[in-house]
Amino acid sequence: MASNYINANDIKANISIGFDLEEYLEEADGEIEDLAQKLGVSTTDIETNPIHYKVKRYGVVYVLMRLCQDKIGTNNPDVPEIEKYMVLYGVYMKEYERLKSEISVEMLTGNVNEIRDRAILSGAIYRS
């Protein structure tokens, strides 16, 4: 099954080279859909053409986080080569949480206004 939101070409990190990412991509789809449902967005309403860059990045970071998690495993946590994956897992986990908190209904549905369309608010200027 192909991913609906991201694909292997979206994953640029060197740690993913040589790995079959299909299962991770499917998991990322589920994460994006789960977040959408938590925000009250039907999975049929998620805009994919184009998908908002933060939503795509959320999926990509999820894939990388899960890949690191699997590379760490549950055995031999003191092996030096595993340490880099532990560090990267922490980095990706923080970014995953940050993106999760920033993604809005509008980003998921593609109803984000362009910056030039936003009203500029000005406050009163007081002189002393």
N, C-alpha and C. Protein backbone atom coordinates (compact mmCIF):
# COMPACT_ATOMS: atom_id res chain seq x y z
N MET A 1 0.85 -1.19 0.00
CA MET A 1 0.00 0.00 0.00
C MET A 1 0.89 1.25 0.00
N ALA A 2 0.62 2.16 -0.87
CA ALA A 2 1.40 3.40 -0.96
C ALA A 2 0.90 4.40 0.09
N SER A 3 1.82 5.20 0.55
CA SER A 3 1.48 6.24 1.52
C SER A 3 0.65 7.32 0.84
N ASN A 4 -0.28 7.86 1.56
CA ASN A 4 -1.14 8.92 1.02
C ASN A 4 -0.54 10.31 1.17
N TYR A 5 0.37 10.49 2.11
CA TYR A 5 0.81 11.82 2.47
C TYR A 5 2.29 12.09 2.20
N ILE A 6 3.13 11.10 2.40
CA ILE A 6 4.56 11.26 2.13
C ILE A 6 5.05 10.03 1.38
N ASN A 7 6.22 10.14 0.79
CA ASN A 7 6.81 8.97 0.13
C ASN A 7 8.29 8.90 0.47
N ALA A 8 8.92 7.82 0.05
CA ALA A 8 10.32 7.59 0.39
C ALA A 8 11.22 8.72 -0.11
N ASN A 9 10.85 9.38 -1.21
CA ASN A 9 11.65 10.49 -1.73
C ASN A 9 11.63 11.70 -0.80
N ASP A 10 10.65 11.79 0.08
CA ASP A 10 10.58 12.89 1.04
C ASP A 10 11.56 12.71 2.20
N ILE A 11 12.05 11.49 2.38
CA ILE A 11 12.96 11.18 3.48
C ILE A 11 14.39 11.40 2.98
N LYS A 12 15.03 12.46 3.45
CA LYS A 12 16.36 12.83 2.96
C LYS A 12 17.49 12.45 3.92
N ALA A 13 17.17 12.05 5.13
CA ALA A 13 18.18 11.77 6.14
C ALA A 13 19.01 10.54 5.76
N ASN A 14 20.31 10.64 5.99
CA ASN A 14 21.22 9.54 5.67
C ASN A 14 20.90 8.25 6.41
N ILE A 15 20.32 8.35 7.59
CA ILE A 15 20.04 7.13 8.37
C ILE A 15 19.01 6.24 7.69
N SER A 16 18.27 6.78 6.73
CA SER A 16 17.25 5.99 6.06
C SER A 16 17.77 5.24 4.84
N ILE A 17 18.99 5.53 4.43
CA ILE A 17 19.55 4.91 3.22
C ILE A 17 19.67 3.40 3.41
N GLY A 18 19.15 2.67 2.45
CA GLY A 18 19.24 1.22 2.47
C GLY A 18 18.14 0.52 3.25
N PHE A 19 17.18 1.26 3.73
CA PHE A 19 16.09 0.65 4.50
C PHE A 19 14.78 0.72 3.72
N ASP A 20 14.00 -0.34 3.83
CA ASP A 20 12.67 -0.34 3.25
C ASP A 20 11.77 0.46 4.20
N LEU A 21 11.30 1.57 3.73
CA LEU A 21 10.54 2.49 4.59
C LEU A 21 9.03 2.30 4.49
N GLU A 22 8.57 1.36 3.70
CA GLU A 22 7.14 1.23 3.43
C GLU A 22 6.29 1.12 4.70
N GLU A 23 6.70 0.28 5.65
CA GLU A 23 5.92 0.14 6.89
C GLU A 23 5.92 1.44 7.69
N TYR A 24 7.06 2.12 7.71
CA TYR A 24 7.15 3.39 8.43
C TYR A 24 6.26 4.45 7.77
N LEU A 25 6.23 4.46 6.45
CA LEU A 25 5.39 5.41 5.72
C LEU A 25 3.91 5.16 6.02
N GLU A 26 3.52 3.90 6.09
CA GLU A 26 2.14 3.57 6.43
C GLU A 26 1.81 4.00 7.86
N GLU A 27 2.76 3.80 8.77
CA GLU A 27 2.57 4.25 10.15
C GLU A 27 2.41 5.77 10.20
N ALA A 28 3.23 6.47 9.41
CA ALA A 28 3.16 7.94 9.37
C ALA A 28 1.79 8.39 8.87
N ASP A 29 1.25 7.69 7.88
CA ASP A 29 -0.11 7.98 7.41
C ASP A 29 -1.09 7.90 8.58
N GLY A 30 -0.97 6.84 9.35
CA GLY A 30 -1.86 6.65 10.49
C GLY A 30 -1.70 7.75 11.52
N GLU A 31 -0.48 8.21 11.73
CA GLU A 31 -0.23 9.31 12.67
C GLU A 31 -0.87 10.61 12.19
N ILE A 32 -0.72 10.89 10.91
CA ILE A 32 -1.33 12.10 10.34
C ILE A 32 -2.85 12.02 10.45
N GLU A 33 -3.41 10.87 10.12
CA GLU A 33 -4.86 10.71 10.20
C GLU A 33 -5.35 10.77 11.64
N ASP A 34 -4.58 10.20 12.57
CA ASP A 34 -4.95 10.26 13.97
C ASP A 34 -4.96 11.70 14.48
N LEU A 35 -3.94 12.47 14.11
CA LEU A 35 -3.90 13.88 14.50
C LEU A 35 -5.08 14.63 13.90
N ALA A 36 -5.38 14.37 12.65
CA ALA A 36 -6.52 15.02 11.99
C ALA A 36 -7.81 14.72 12.75
N GLN A 37 -8.03 13.47 13.07
CA GLN A 37 -9.25 13.09 13.78
C GLN A 37 -9.33 13.74 15.16
N LYS A 38 -8.19 13.86 15.84
CA LYS A 38 -8.17 14.52 17.15
C LYS A 38 -8.54 15.99 17.02
N LEU A 39 -8.25 16.59 15.86
CA LEU A 39 -8.58 17.99 15.62
C LEU A 39 -9.95 18.15 14.97
N GLY A 40 -10.66 17.04 14.79
CA GLY A 40 -12.01 17.09 14.23
C GLY A 40 -12.06 17.12 12.71
N VAL A 41 -10.98 16.69 12.06
CA VAL A 41 -10.93 16.69 10.59
C VAL A 41 -11.09 15.26 10.11
N SER A 42 -12.04 15.06 9.21
CA SER A 42 -12.23 13.74 8.60
C SER A 42 -11.02 13.42 7.72
N THR A 43 -10.65 12.16 7.66
CA THR A 43 -9.51 11.78 6.84
C THR A 43 -9.74 12.09 5.37
N THR A 44 -11.00 12.15 4.95
CA THR A 44 -11.30 12.48 3.55
C THR A 44 -11.11 13.97 3.28
N ASP A 45 -11.00 14.78 4.33
CA ASP A 45 -10.83 16.22 4.17
C ASP A 45 -9.38 16.67 4.26
N ILE A 46 -8.45 15.75 4.45
CA ILE A 46 -7.04 16.12 4.52
C ILE A 46 -6.57 16.46 3.11
N GLU A 47 -6.07 17.67 2.96
CA GLU A 47 -5.61 18.14 1.64
C GLU A 47 -4.25 17.52 1.34
N THR A 48 -4.16 16.89 0.17
CA THR A 48 -2.91 16.25 -0.22
C THR A 48 -2.28 16.87 -1.46
N ASN A 49 -2.97 17.80 -2.08
CA ASN A 49 -2.45 18.39 -3.33
C ASN A 49 -2.52 19.91 -3.29
N PRO A 50 -1.55 20.55 -2.72
CA PRO A 50 -0.40 19.98 -2.02
C PRO A 50 -0.69 19.81 -0.55
N ILE A 51 0.04 18.95 0.07
CA ILE A 51 -0.05 18.78 1.52
C ILE A 51 0.76 19.91 2.16
N HIS A 52 0.26 20.47 3.24
CA HIS A 52 0.96 21.56 3.92
C HIS A 52 2.34 21.06 4.36
N TYR A 53 3.33 21.91 4.24
CA TYR A 53 4.71 21.48 4.53
C TYR A 53 4.89 21.01 5.96
N LYS A 54 4.16 21.58 6.93
CA LYS A 54 4.32 21.13 8.32
C LYS A 54 3.68 19.76 8.52
N VAL A 55 2.61 19.48 7.82
CA VAL A 55 1.97 18.17 7.91
C VAL A 55 2.90 17.12 7.29
N LYS A 56 3.49 17.47 6.14
CA LYS A 56 4.44 16.56 5.50
C LYS A 56 5.65 16.34 6.41
N ARG A 57 6.17 17.41 6.98
CA ARG A 57 7.34 17.30 7.86
C ARG A 57 7.01 16.45 9.09
N TYR A 58 5.80 16.58 9.60
CA TYR A 58 5.34 15.77 10.73
C TYR A 58 5.44 14.28 10.37
N GLY A 59 4.99 13.93 9.18
CA GLY A 59 5.07 12.54 8.73
C GLY A 59 6.51 12.08 8.55
N VAL A 60 7.33 12.92 7.96
CA VAL A 60 8.74 12.59 7.73
C VAL A 60 9.45 12.39 9.07
N VAL A 61 9.23 13.30 10.00
CA VAL A 61 9.87 13.20 11.31
C VAL A 61 9.40 11.94 12.04
N TYR A 62 8.14 11.60 11.89
CA TYR A 62 7.63 10.38 12.51
C TYR A 62 8.38 9.15 11.96
N VAL A 63 8.57 9.10 10.64
CA VAL A 63 9.29 7.99 10.02
C VAL A 63 10.71 7.89 10.59
N LEU A 64 11.40 9.02 10.64
CA LEU A 64 12.78 9.02 11.14
C LEU A 64 12.85 8.66 12.62
N MET A 65 11.90 9.13 13.39
CA MET A 65 11.85 8.81 14.81
C MET A 65 11.66 7.30 15.01
N ARG A 66 10.73 6.74 14.26
CA ARG A 66 10.47 5.29 14.36
C ARG A 66 11.65 4.46 13.87
N LEU A 67 12.31 4.91 12.82
CA LEU A 67 13.48 4.20 12.33
C LEU A 67 14.57 4.18 13.41
N CYS A 68 14.79 5.32 14.04
CA CYS A 68 15.77 5.38 15.14
C CYS A 68 15.36 4.46 16.28
N GLN A 69 14.10 4.47 16.61
CA GLN A 69 13.60 3.64 17.69
C GLN A 69 13.88 2.16 17.40
N ASP A 70 13.65 1.74 16.18
CA ASP A 70 13.91 0.35 15.82
C ASP A 70 15.41 0.05 15.77
N LYS A 71 16.22 1.02 15.39
CA LYS A 71 17.66 0.81 15.36
C LYS A 71 18.22 0.66 16.78
N ILE A 72 17.62 1.37 17.72
CA ILE A 72 18.06 1.26 19.11
C ILE A 72 17.72 -0.12 19.65
N GLY A 73 16.50 -0.56 19.36
CA GLY A 73 16.07 -1.87 19.85
C GLY A 73 15.96 -1.91 21.36
N THR A 74 15.83 -3.10 21.88
CA THR A 74 15.72 -3.26 23.32
C THR A 74 16.93 -3.95 23.92
N ASN A 75 17.80 -4.48 23.08
CA ASN A 75 19.00 -5.17 23.57
C ASN A 75 20.23 -4.32 23.33
N ASN A 76 21.23 -4.52 24.14
CA ASN A 76 22.53 -3.87 24.00
C ASN A 76 22.47 -2.35 23.90
N PRO A 77 21.82 -1.66 24.83
CA PRO A 77 21.74 -0.20 24.74
C PRO A 77 23.09 0.49 24.93
N ASP A 78 24.13 -0.26 25.36
CA ASP A 78 25.43 0.35 25.58
C ASP A 78 26.36 0.25 24.38
N VAL A 79 25.90 -0.34 23.28
CA VAL A 79 26.73 -0.47 22.10
C VAL A 79 26.94 0.93 21.51
N PRO A 80 28.21 1.35 21.28
CA PRO A 80 28.50 2.71 20.83
C PRO A 80 27.76 3.14 19.55
N GLU A 81 27.59 2.26 18.59
CA GLU A 81 26.92 2.65 17.34
C GLU A 81 25.44 2.97 17.56
N ILE A 82 24.87 2.44 18.62
CA ILE A 82 23.47 2.70 18.91
C ILE A 82 23.29 4.10 19.50
N GLU A 83 24.34 4.64 20.09
CA GLU A 83 24.24 5.94 20.75
C GLU A 83 23.78 7.04 19.79
N LYS A 84 24.27 7.02 18.55
CA LYS A 84 23.86 8.06 17.60
C LYS A 84 22.36 7.98 17.33
N TYR A 85 21.81 6.78 17.31
CA TYR A 85 20.37 6.63 17.09
C TYR A 85 19.58 7.09 18.31
N MET A 86 20.15 6.92 19.49
CA MET A 86 19.49 7.40 20.70
C MET A 86 19.43 8.92 20.69
N VAL A 87 20.52 9.56 20.29
CA VAL A 87 20.56 11.02 20.21
C VAL A 87 19.57 11.51 19.15
N LEU A 88 19.62 10.89 17.97
CA LEU A 88 18.71 11.30 16.89
C LEU A 88 17.26 11.05 17.26
N TYR A 89 16.99 9.97 17.97
CA TYR A 89 15.62 9.70 18.42
C TYR A 89 15.11 10.86 19.28
N GLY A 90 15.95 11.33 20.19
CA GLY A 90 15.55 12.45 21.04
C GLY A 90 15.29 13.72 20.24
N VAL A 91 16.14 13.98 19.25
CA VAL A 91 15.96 15.15 18.39
C VAL A 91 14.65 15.05 17.61
N TYR A 92 14.42 13.89 16.99
CA TYR A 92 13.19 13.72 16.20
C TYR A 92 11.94 13.73 17.08
N MET A 93 12.04 13.17 18.29
CA MET A 93 10.90 13.16 19.19
C MET A 93 10.50 14.59 19.56
N LYS A 94 11.48 15.45 19.84
CA LYS A 94 11.18 16.84 20.17
C LYS A 94 10.53 17.56 18.99
N GLU A 95 11.06 17.33 17.79
CA GLU A 95 10.49 17.98 16.61
C GLU A 95 9.08 17.45 16.33
N TYR A 96 8.89 16.16 16.52
CA TYR A 96 7.58 15.54 16.35
C TYR A 96 6.56 16.19 17.28
N GLU A 97 6.92 16.35 18.54
CA GLU A 97 6.01 16.97 19.52
C GLU A 97 5.74 18.43 19.17
N ARG A 98 6.79 19.15 18.74
CA ARG A 98 6.61 20.56 18.37
C ARG A 98 5.65 20.68 17.18
N LEU A 99 5.89 19.89 16.15
CA LEU A 99 5.02 19.96 14.97
C LEU A 99 3.59 19.55 15.30
N LYS A 100 3.45 18.54 16.13
CA LYS A 100 2.12 18.07 16.53
C LYS A 100 1.32 19.20 17.18
N SER A 101 2.01 20.02 17.98
CA SER A 101 1.32 21.11 18.67
C SER A 101 1.04 22.30 17.74
N GLU A 102 1.77 22.40 16.62
CA GLU A 102 1.61 23.54 15.71
C GLU A 102 0.62 23.28 14.57
N ILE A 103 0.36 22.03 14.26
CA ILE A 103 -0.51 21.73 13.11
C ILE A 103 -1.95 22.08 13.46
N SER A 104 -2.58 22.79 12.55
CA SER A 104 -3.95 23.26 12.77
C SER A 104 -4.91 22.58 11.79
N VAL A 105 -6.18 22.77 12.06
CA VAL A 105 -7.23 22.27 11.16
C VAL A 105 -7.02 22.85 9.77
N GLU A 106 -6.70 24.13 9.72
CA GLU A 106 -6.51 24.81 8.44
C GLU A 106 -5.35 24.21 7.65
N MET A 107 -4.29 23.84 8.33
CA MET A 107 -3.14 23.21 7.65
C MET A 107 -3.53 21.86 7.08
N LEU A 108 -4.31 21.12 7.84
CA LEU A 108 -4.73 19.79 7.39
C LEU A 108 -5.70 19.85 6.21
N THR A 109 -6.56 20.85 6.21
CA THR A 109 -7.59 20.94 5.17
C THR A 109 -7.18 21.81 3.99
N GLY A 110 -6.03 22.46 4.10
CA GLY A 110 -5.54 23.30 3.00
C GLY A 110 -6.20 24.65 2.94
N ASN A 111 -6.77 25.11 4.04
CA ASN A 111 -7.46 26.39 4.07
C ASN A 111 -6.63 27.48 4.75
N VAL A 112 -5.33 27.41 4.60
CA VAL A 112 -4.44 28.40 5.20
C VAL A 112 -4.35 29.59 4.26
N ASN A 113 -4.56 30.78 4.81
CA ASN A 113 -4.43 32.00 4.01
C ASN A 113 -2.96 32.27 3.73
N GLU A 114 -2.71 32.85 2.58
CA GLU A 114 -1.36 33.30 2.27
C GLU A 114 -1.01 34.46 3.19
N ILE A 115 0.24 34.64 3.47
CA ILE A 115 0.66 35.74 4.36
C ILE A 115 0.17 37.08 3.84
N ARG A 116 0.22 37.26 2.53
CA ARG A 116 -0.21 38.54 1.97
C ARG A 116 -1.70 38.80 2.14
N ASP A 117 -2.48 37.76 2.46
CA ASP A 117 -3.91 37.91 2.66
C ASP A 117 -4.28 38.23 4.10
N ARG A 118 -3.31 38.15 5.00
CA ARG A 118 -3.61 38.39 6.41
C ARG A 118 -3.71 39.88 6.68
N ALA A 119 -4.61 40.23 7.54
CA ALA A 119 -4.75 41.64 7.92
C ALA A 119 -3.58 42.03 8.80
N ILE A 120 -3.14 43.24 8.62
CA ILE A 120 -2.06 43.77 9.45
C ILE A 120 -2.71 44.55 10.57
N LEU A 121 -2.40 44.11 11.77
CA LEU A 121 -2.97 44.76 12.94
C LEU A 121 -1.96 45.77 13.46
N SER A 122 -2.43 46.94 13.78
CA SER A 122 -1.52 47.94 14.34
C SER A 122 -2.06 48.38 15.68
N GLY A 123 -1.17 48.54 16.59
CA GLY A 123 -1.56 49.00 17.92
C GLY A 123 -1.45 50.51 17.99
N ALA A 124 -2.07 51.08 18.99
CA ALA A 124 -1.99 52.52 19.19
C ALA A 124 -0.59 52.90 19.66
N ILE A 125 -0.15 54.03 19.24
CA ILE A 125 1.16 54.54 19.65
C ILE A 125 0.92 55.61 20.71
N TYR A 126 1.57 55.43 21.83
CA TYR A 126 1.42 56.39 22.92
C TYR A 126 2.71 57.15 23.09
N ARG A 127 2.58 58.44 23.35
CA ARG A 127 3.75 59.26 23.63
C ARG A 127 3.69 59.72 25.06
N SER A 128 4.84 59.76 25.66
CA SER A 128 4.84 60.21 27.06
C SER A 128 5.31 61.64 27.14
